Amino acid sequence: MSILWKELPSRNNLGTEPEAKSVNFLIVIASAIAFFLVLHWVLCRTFIVCISELVIALNYDRGLDCIGSL
């Protein structure tokens, strides 16, 4: 069994080359940027919807025309 084990490539050496590290680093950076872009998009849309609903609710309470006052 020890002879067979010596013939197999070591799994510890996979991904230790500089090219593999740079590719992994680029994947991590791209994933982080994509995550923050999606998070930013979701939060901005939520904020815009909440503000517009608040404006409509305030105008409705005052008895104003909601569409005309926006």
PDB file of N, CA and C in Angstrom:
ATOM      1  N   MET A   1       0.827  -1.194   0.000  1.00  0.00           N
ATOM      2  CA  MET A   1       0.000   0.000   0.000  1.00  0.00           C
ATOM      3  C   MET A   1       0.868   1.253   0.000  1.00  0.00           C
ATOM      4  N   SER A   2       2.001   1.223   0.666  1.00  0.00           N
ATOM      5  CA  SER A   2       2.848   2.405   0.692  1.00  0.00           C
ATOM      6  C   SER A   2       3.425   2.702  -0.687  1.00  0.00           C
ATOM      7  N   ILE A   3       3.652   1.677  -1.515  1.00  0.00           N
ATOM      8  CA  ILE A   3       4.152   1.909  -2.874  1.00  0.00           C
ATOM      9  C   ILE A   3       3.072   2.589  -3.707  1.00  0.00           C
ATOM     10  N   LEU A   4       1.843   2.139  -3.585  1.00  0.00           N
ATOM     11  CA  LEU A   4       0.744   2.752  -4.327  1.00  0.00           C
ATOM     12  C   LEU A   4       0.534   4.197  -3.898  1.00  0.00           C
ATOM     13  N   TRP A   5       0.679   4.446  -2.628  1.00  0.00           N
ATOM     14  CA  TRP A   5       0.488   5.813  -2.123  1.00  0.00           C
ATOM     15  C   TRP A   5       1.559   6.752  -2.666  1.00  0.00           C
ATOM     16  N   LYS A   6       2.779   6.282  -2.817  1.00  0.00           N
ATOM     17  CA  LYS A   6       3.857   7.123  -3.318  1.00  0.00           C
ATOM     18  C   LYS A   6       3.663   7.456  -4.793  1.00  0.00           C
ATOM     19  N   GLU A   7       2.977   6.611  -5.535  1.00  0.00           N
ATOM     20  CA  GLU A   7       2.777   6.864  -6.958  1.00  0.00           C
ATOM     21  C   GLU A   7       1.656   7.866  -7.215  1.00  0.00           C
ATOM     22  N   LEU A   8       0.745   8.004  -6.294  1.00  0.00           N
ATOM     23  CA  LEU A   8      -0.355   8.942  -6.479  1.00  0.00           C
ATOM     24  C   LEU A   8       0.127  10.371  -6.251  1.00  0.00           C
ATOM     25  N   PRO A   9      -0.402  11.312  -7.011  1.00  0.00           N
ATOM     26  CA  PRO A   9      -0.007  12.707  -6.764  1.00  0.00           C
ATOM     27  C   PRO A   9      -0.545  13.192  -5.424  1.00  0.00           C
ATOM     28  N   SER A  10       0.213  14.023  -4.797  1.00  0.00           N
ATOM     29  CA  SER A  10      -0.187  14.545  -3.499  1.00  0.00           C
ATOM     30  C   SER A  10      -1.302  15.567  -3.674  1.00  0.00           C
ATOM     31  N   ARG A  11      -2.341  15.441  -2.884  1.00  0.00           N
ATOM     32  CA  ARG A  11      -3.451  16.383  -2.961  1.00  0.00           C
ATOM     33  C   ARG A  11      -3.094  17.713  -2.295  1.00  0.00           C
ATOM     34  N   ASN A  12      -2.072  17.735  -1.474  1.00  0.00           N
ATOM     35  CA  ASN A  12      -1.689  18.969  -0.803  1.00  0.00           C
ATOM     36  C   ASN A  12      -1.072  19.970  -1.770  1.00  0.00           C
ATOM     37  N   ASN A  13      -0.541  19.503  -2.885  1.00  0.00           N
ATOM     38  CA  ASN A  13       0.110  20.399  -3.828  1.00  0.00           C
ATOM     39  C   ASN A  13      -0.878  21.034  -4.802  1.00  0.00           C
ATOM     40  N   LEU A  14      -2.117  20.592  -4.826  1.00  0.00           N
ATOM     41  CA  LEU A  14      -3.089  21.179  -5.738  1.00  0.00           C
ATOM     42  C   LEU A  14      -3.476  22.561  -5.228  1.00  0.00           C
ATOM     43  N   GLY A  15      -3.372  23.551  -6.092  1.00  0.00           N
ATOM     44  CA  GLY A  15      -3.760  24.900  -5.716  1.00  0.00           C
ATOM     45  C   GLY A  15      -2.683  25.683  -4.981  1.00  0.00           C
ATOM     46  N   THR A  16      -1.453  25.164  -4.957  1.00  0.00           N
ATOM     47  CA  THR A  16      -0.398  25.910  -4.286  1.00  0.00           C
ATOM     48  C   THR A  16       0.459  26.691  -5.271  1.00  0.00           C
ATOM     49  N   GLU A  17       0.253  26.481  -6.585  1.00  0.00           N
ATOM     50  CA  GLU A  17       1.012  27.252  -7.564  1.00  0.00           C
ATOM     51  C   GLU A  17       0.536  28.697  -7.544  1.00  0.00           C
ATOM     52  N   PRO A  18       1.395  29.632  -7.916  1.00  0.00           N
ATOM     53  CA  PRO A  18       0.993  31.049  -7.917  1.00  0.00           C
ATOM     54  C   PRO A  18      -0.194  31.320  -8.843  1.00  0.00           C
ATOM     55  N   GLU A  19      -0.268  30.616  -9.985  1.00  0.00           N
ATOM     56  CA  GLU A  19      -1.390  30.828 -10.897  1.00  0.00           C
ATOM     57  C   GLU A  19      -2.704  30.422 -10.245  1.00  0.00           C
ATOM     58  N   ALA A  20      -2.700  29.300  -9.562  1.00  0.00           N
ATOM     59  CA  ALA A  20      -3.921  28.835  -8.904  1.00  0.00           C
ATOM     60  C   ALA A  20      -4.316  29.778  -7.778  1.00  0.00           C
ATOM     61  N   LYS A  21      -3.347  30.297  -7.055  1.00  0.00           N
ATOM     62  CA  LYS A  21      -3.660  31.236  -5.975  1.00  0.00           C
ATOM     63  C   LYS A  21      -4.245  32.529  -6.531  1.00  0.00           C
ATOM     64  N   SER A  22      -3.698  33.011  -7.649  1.00  0.00           N
ATOM     65  CA  SER A  22      -4.215  34.253  -8.215  1.00  0.00           C
ATOM     66  C   SER A  22      -5.614  34.053  -8.772  1.00  0.00           C
ATOM     67  N   VAL A  23      -5.879  32.882  -9.359  1.00  0.00           N
ATOM     68  CA  VAL A  23      -7.225  32.605  -9.864  1.00  0.00           C
ATOM     69  C   VAL A  23      -8.210  32.520  -8.704  1.00  0.00           C
ATOM     70  N   ASN A  24      -7.814  31.857  -7.628  1.00  0.00           N
ATOM     71  CA  ASN A  24      -8.681  31.777  -6.449  1.00  0.00           C
ATOM     72  C   ASN A  24      -8.930  33.165  -5.867  1.00  0.00           C
ATOM     73  N   PHE A  25      -7.899  33.996  -5.848  1.00  0.00           N
ATOM     74  CA  PHE A  25      -8.034  35.355  -5.325  1.00  0.00           C
ATOM     75  C   PHE A  25      -8.987  36.164  -6.197  1.00  0.00           C
ATOM     76  N   LEU A  26      -8.877  36.019  -7.516  1.00  0.00           N
ATOM     77  CA  LEU A  26      -9.771  36.733  -8.419  1.00  0.00           C
ATOM     78  C   LEU A  26     -11.218  36.268  -8.265  1.00  0.00           C
ATOM     79  N   ILE A  27     -11.407  34.980  -8.050  1.00  0.00           N
ATOM     80  CA  ILE A  27     -12.760  34.455  -7.838  1.00  0.00           C
ATOM     81  C   ILE A  27     -13.344  35.015  -6.552  1.00  0.00           C
ATOM     82  N   VAL A  28     -12.545  35.084  -5.502  1.00  0.00           N
ATOM     83  CA  VAL A  28     -13.019  35.632  -4.222  1.00  0.00           C
ATOM     84  C   VAL A  28     -13.375  37.107  -4.374  1.00  0.00           C
ATOM     85  N   ILE A  29     -12.524  37.875  -5.054  1.00  0.00           N
ATOM     86  CA  ILE A  29     -12.780  39.305  -5.247  1.00  0.00           C
ATOM     87  C   ILE A  29     -14.034  39.508  -6.096  1.00  0.00           C
ATOM     88  N   ALA A  30     -14.170  38.747  -7.182  1.00  0.00           N
ATOM     89  CA  ALA A  30     -15.349  38.877  -8.044  1.00  0.00           C
ATOM     90  C   ALA A  30     -16.625  38.496  -7.291  1.00  0.00           C
ATOM     91  N   SER A  31     -16.556  37.467  -6.468  1.00  0.00           N
ATOM     92  CA  SER A  31     -17.719  37.063  -5.682  1.00  0.00           C
ATOM     93  C   SER A  31     -18.094  38.139  -4.667  1.00  0.00           C
ATOM     94  N   ALA A  32     -17.113  38.740  -4.033  1.00  0.00           N
ATOM     95  CA  ALA A  32     -17.385  39.793  -3.054  1.00  0.00           C
ATOM     96  C   ALA A  32     -18.006  41.013  -3.727  1.00  0.00           C
ATOM     97  N   ILE A  33     -17.482  41.395  -4.896  1.00  0.00           N
ATOM     98  CA  ILE A  33     -18.039  42.543  -5.618  1.00  0.00           C
ATOM     99  C   ILE A  33     -19.474  42.254  -6.042  1.00  0.00           C
ATOM    100  N   ALA A  34     -19.721  41.056  -6.556  1.00  0.00           N
ATOM    101  CA  ALA A  34     -21.077  40.699  -6.970  1.00  0.00           C
ATOM    102  C   ALA A  34     -22.031  40.697  -5.779  1.00  0.00           C
ATOM    103  N   PHE A  35     -21.582  40.190  -4.644  1.00  0.00           N
ATOM    104  CA  PHE A  35     -22.417  40.160  -3.445  1.00  0.00           C
ATOM    105  C   PHE A  35     -22.788  41.575  -3.007  1.00  0.00           C
ATOM    106  N   PHE A  36     -21.801  42.473  -2.977  1.00  0.00           N
ATOM    107  CA  PHE A  36     -22.084  43.837  -2.533  1.00  0.00           C
ATOM    108  C   PHE A  36     -22.928  44.605  -3.541  1.00  0.00           C
ATOM    109  N   LEU A  37     -22.777  44.317  -4.828  1.00  0.00           N
ATOM    110  CA  LEU A  37     -23.631  44.967  -5.817  1.00  0.00           C
ATOM    111  C   LEU A  37     -25.089  44.526  -5.664  1.00  0.00           C
ATOM    112  N   VAL A  38     -25.299  43.241  -5.451  1.00  0.00           N
ATOM    113  CA  VAL A  38     -26.664  42.745  -5.250  1.00  0.00           C
ATOM    114  C   VAL A  38     -27.233  43.302  -3.949  1.00  0.00           C
ATOM    115  N   LEU A  39     -26.433  43.313  -2.898  1.00  0.00           N
ATOM    116  CA  LEU A  39     -26.890  43.860  -1.626  1.00  0.00           C
ATOM    117  C   LEU A  39     -27.239  45.336  -1.754  1.00  0.00           C
ATOM    118  N   HIS A  40     -26.404  46.086  -2.446  1.00  0.00           N
ATOM    119  CA  HIS A  40     -26.651  47.510  -2.660  1.00  0.00           C
ATOM    120  C   HIS A  40     -27.949  47.716  -3.449  1.00  0.00           C
ATOM    121  N   TRP A  41     -28.147  46.901  -4.493  1.00  0.00           N
ATOM    122  CA  TRP A  41     -29.352  47.016  -5.320  1.00  0.00           C
ATOM    123  C   TRP A  41     -30.604  46.728  -4.492  1.00  0.00           C
ATOM    124  N   VAL A  42     -30.556  45.670  -3.693  1.00  0.00           N
ATOM    125  CA  VAL A  42     -31.723  45.291  -2.879  1.00  0.00           C
ATOM    126  C   VAL A  42     -32.019  46.370  -1.843  1.00  0.00           C
ATOM    127  N   LEU A  43     -30.986  46.858  -1.160  1.00  0.00           N
ATOM    128  CA  LEU A  43     -31.210  47.866  -0.128  1.00  0.00           C
ATOM    129  C   LEU A  43     -31.708  49.178  -0.719  1.00  0.00           C
ATOM    130  N   CYS A  44     -31.161  49.581  -1.854  1.00  0.00           N
ATOM    131  CA  CYS A  44     -31.612  50.828  -2.478  1.00  0.00           C
ATOM    132  C   CYS A  44     -33.061  50.719  -2.933  1.00  0.00           C
ATOM    133  N   ARG A  45     -33.423  49.587  -3.533  1.00  0.00           N
ATOM    134  CA  ARG A  45     -34.816  49.420  -3.970  1.00  0.00           C
ATOM    135  C   ARG A  45     -35.752  49.400  -2.770  1.00  0.00           C
ATOM    136  N   THR A  46     -35.341  48.756  -1.699  1.00  0.00           N
ATOM    137  CA  THR A  46     -36.167  48.720  -0.495  1.00  0.00           C
ATOM    138  C   THR A  46     -36.330  50.124   0.080  1.00  0.00           C
ATOM    139  N   PHE A  47     -35.240  50.879   0.113  1.00  0.00           N
ATOM    140  CA  PHE A  47     -35.286  52.234   0.650  1.00  0.00           C
ATOM    141  C   PHE A  47     -36.186  53.120  -0.211  1.00  0.00           C
ATOM    142  N   ILE A  48     -36.066  53.021  -1.531  1.00  0.00           N
ATOM    143  CA  ILE A  48     -36.886  53.836  -2.434  1.00  0.00           C
ATOM    144  C   ILE A  48     -38.362  53.482  -2.279  1.00  0.00           C
ATOM    145  N   VAL A  49     -38.669  52.200  -2.188  1.00  0.00           N
ATOM    146  CA  VAL A  49     -40.062  51.780  -2.026  1.00  0.00           C
ATOM    147  C   VAL A  49     -40.613  52.278  -0.695  1.00  0.00           C
ATOM    148  N   CYS A  50     -39.822  52.169   0.364  1.00  0.00           N
ATOM    149  CA  CYS A  50     -40.290  52.621   1.679  1.00  0.00           C
ATOM    150  C   CYS A  50     -40.533  54.127   1.706  1.00  0.00           C
ATOM    151  N   ILE A  51     -39.625  54.890   1.104  1.00  0.00           N
ATOM    152  CA  ILE A  51     -39.794  56.344   1.078  1.00  0.00           C
ATOM    153  C   ILE A  51     -41.012  56.723   0.241  1.00  0.00           C
ATOM    154  N   SER A  52     -41.192  56.083  -0.917  1.00  0.00           N
ATOM    155  CA  SER A  52     -42.339  56.428  -1.759  1.00  0.00           C
ATOM    156  C   SER A  52     -43.650  56.055  -1.070  1.00  0.00           C
ATOM    157  N   GLU A  53     -43.685  54.921  -0.376  1.00  0.00           N
ATOM    158  CA  GLU A  53     -44.897  54.552   0.360  1.00  0.00           C
ATOM    159  C   GLU A  53     -45.155  55.520   1.506  1.00  0.00           C
ATOM    160  N   LEU A  54     -44.103  56.000   2.143  1.00  0.00           N
ATOM    161  CA  LEU A  54     -44.263  56.974   3.218  1.00  0.00           C
ATOM    162  C   LEU A  54     -44.816  58.291   2.677  1.00  0.00           C
ATOM    163  N   VAL A  55     -44.307  58.727   1.537  1.00  0.00           N
ATOM    164  CA  VAL A  55     -44.802  59.964   0.930  1.00  0.00           C
ATOM    165  C   VAL A  55     -46.262  59.813   0.536  1.00  0.00           C
ATOM    166  N   ILE A  56     -46.603  58.693  -0.056  1.00  0.00           N
ATOM    167  CA  ILE A  56     -47.998  58.459  -0.444  1.00  0.00           C
ATOM    168  C   ILE A  56     -48.891  58.414   0.795  1.00  0.00           C
ATOM    169  N   ALA A  57     -48.418  57.752   1.858  1.00  0.00           N
ATOM    170  CA  ALA A  57     -49.228  57.670   3.075  1.00  0.00           C
ATOM    171  C   ALA A  57     -49.412  59.050   3.712  1.00  0.00           C
ATOM    172  N   LEU A  58     -48.371  59.861   3.730  1.00  0.00           N
ATOM    173  CA  LEU A  58     -48.490  61.209   4.300  1.00  0.00           C
ATOM    174  C   LEU A  58     -49.437  62.067   3.479  1.00  0.00           C
ATOM    175  N   ASN A  59     -49.344  61.965   2.162  1.00  0.00           N
ATOM    176  CA  ASN A  59     -50.237  62.736   1.306  1.00  0.00           C
ATOM    177  C   ASN A  59     -51.674  62.249   1.425  1.00  0.00           C
ATOM    178  N   TYR A  60     -51.846  60.963   1.601  1.00  0.00           N
ATOM    179  CA  TYR A  60     -53.189  60.414   1.746  1.00  0.00           C
ATOM    180  C   TYR A  60     -53.819  60.902   3.055  1.00  0.00           C
ATOM    181  N   ASP A  61     -53.005  60.957   4.115  1.00  0.00           N
ATOM    182  CA  ASP A  61     -53.518  61.432   5.403  1.00  0.00           C
ATOM    183  C   ASP A  61     -53.922  62.901   5.342  1.00  0.00           C
ATOM    184  N   ARG A  62     -53.244  63.674   4.516  1.00  0.00           N
ATOM    185  CA  ARG A  62     -53.576  65.092   4.384  1.00  0.00           C
ATOM    186  C   ARG A  62     -54.752  65.326   3.449  1.00  0.00           C
ATOM    187  N   GLY A  63     -55.173  64.291   2.760  1.00  0.00           N
ATOM    188  CA  GLY A  63     -56.284  64.433   1.833  1.00  0.00           C
ATOM    189  C   GLY A  63     -55.871  65.015   0.491  1.00  0.00           C
ATOM    190  N   LEU A  64     -54.587  64.975   0.159  1.00  0.00           N
ATOM    191  CA  LEU A  64     -54.111  65.510  -1.106  1.00  0.00           C
ATOM    192  C   LEU A  64     -54.164  64.433  -2.181  1.00  0.00           C
ATOM    193  N   ASP A  65     -54.097  64.861  -3.407  1.00  0.00           N
ATOM    194  CA  ASP A  65     -54.027  63.923  -4.519  1.00  0.00           C
ATOM    195  C   ASP A  65     -52.617  63.334  -4.535  1.00  0.00           C
ATOM    196  N   CYS A  66     -52.497  62.008  -4.331  1.00  0.00           N
ATOM    197  CA  CYS A  66     -51.187  61.387  -4.207  1.00  0.00           C
ATOM    198  C   CYS A  66     -50.384  61.503  -5.492  1.00  0.00           C
ATOM    199  N   ILE A  67     -51.025  61.253  -6.622  1.00  0.00           N
ATOM    200  CA  ILE A  67     -50.281  61.257  -7.882  1.00  0.00           C
ATOM    201  C   ILE A  67     -49.868  62.684  -8.243  1.00  0.00           C
ATOM    202  N   GLY A  68     -50.714  63.633  -8.036  1.00  0.00           N
ATOM    203  CA  GLY A  68     -50.382  65.006  -8.382  1.00  0.00           C
ATOM    204  C   GLY A  68     -49.334  65.621  -7.494  1.00  0.00           C
ATOM    205  N   SER A  69     -49.245  65.199  -6.256  1.00  0.00           N
ATOM    206  CA  SER A  69     -48.285  65.811  -5.344  1.00  0.00           C
ATOM    207  C   SER A  69     -46.910  65.189  -5.443  1.00  0.00           C
ATOM    208  N   LEU A  70     -46.804  64.025  -6.071  1.00  0.00           N
ATOM    209  CA  LEU A  70     -45.497  63.391  -6.213  1.00  0.00           C
ATOM    210  C   LEU A  70     -44.746  64.079  -7.323  1.00  0.00           C
TER     211      LEU A  70
END
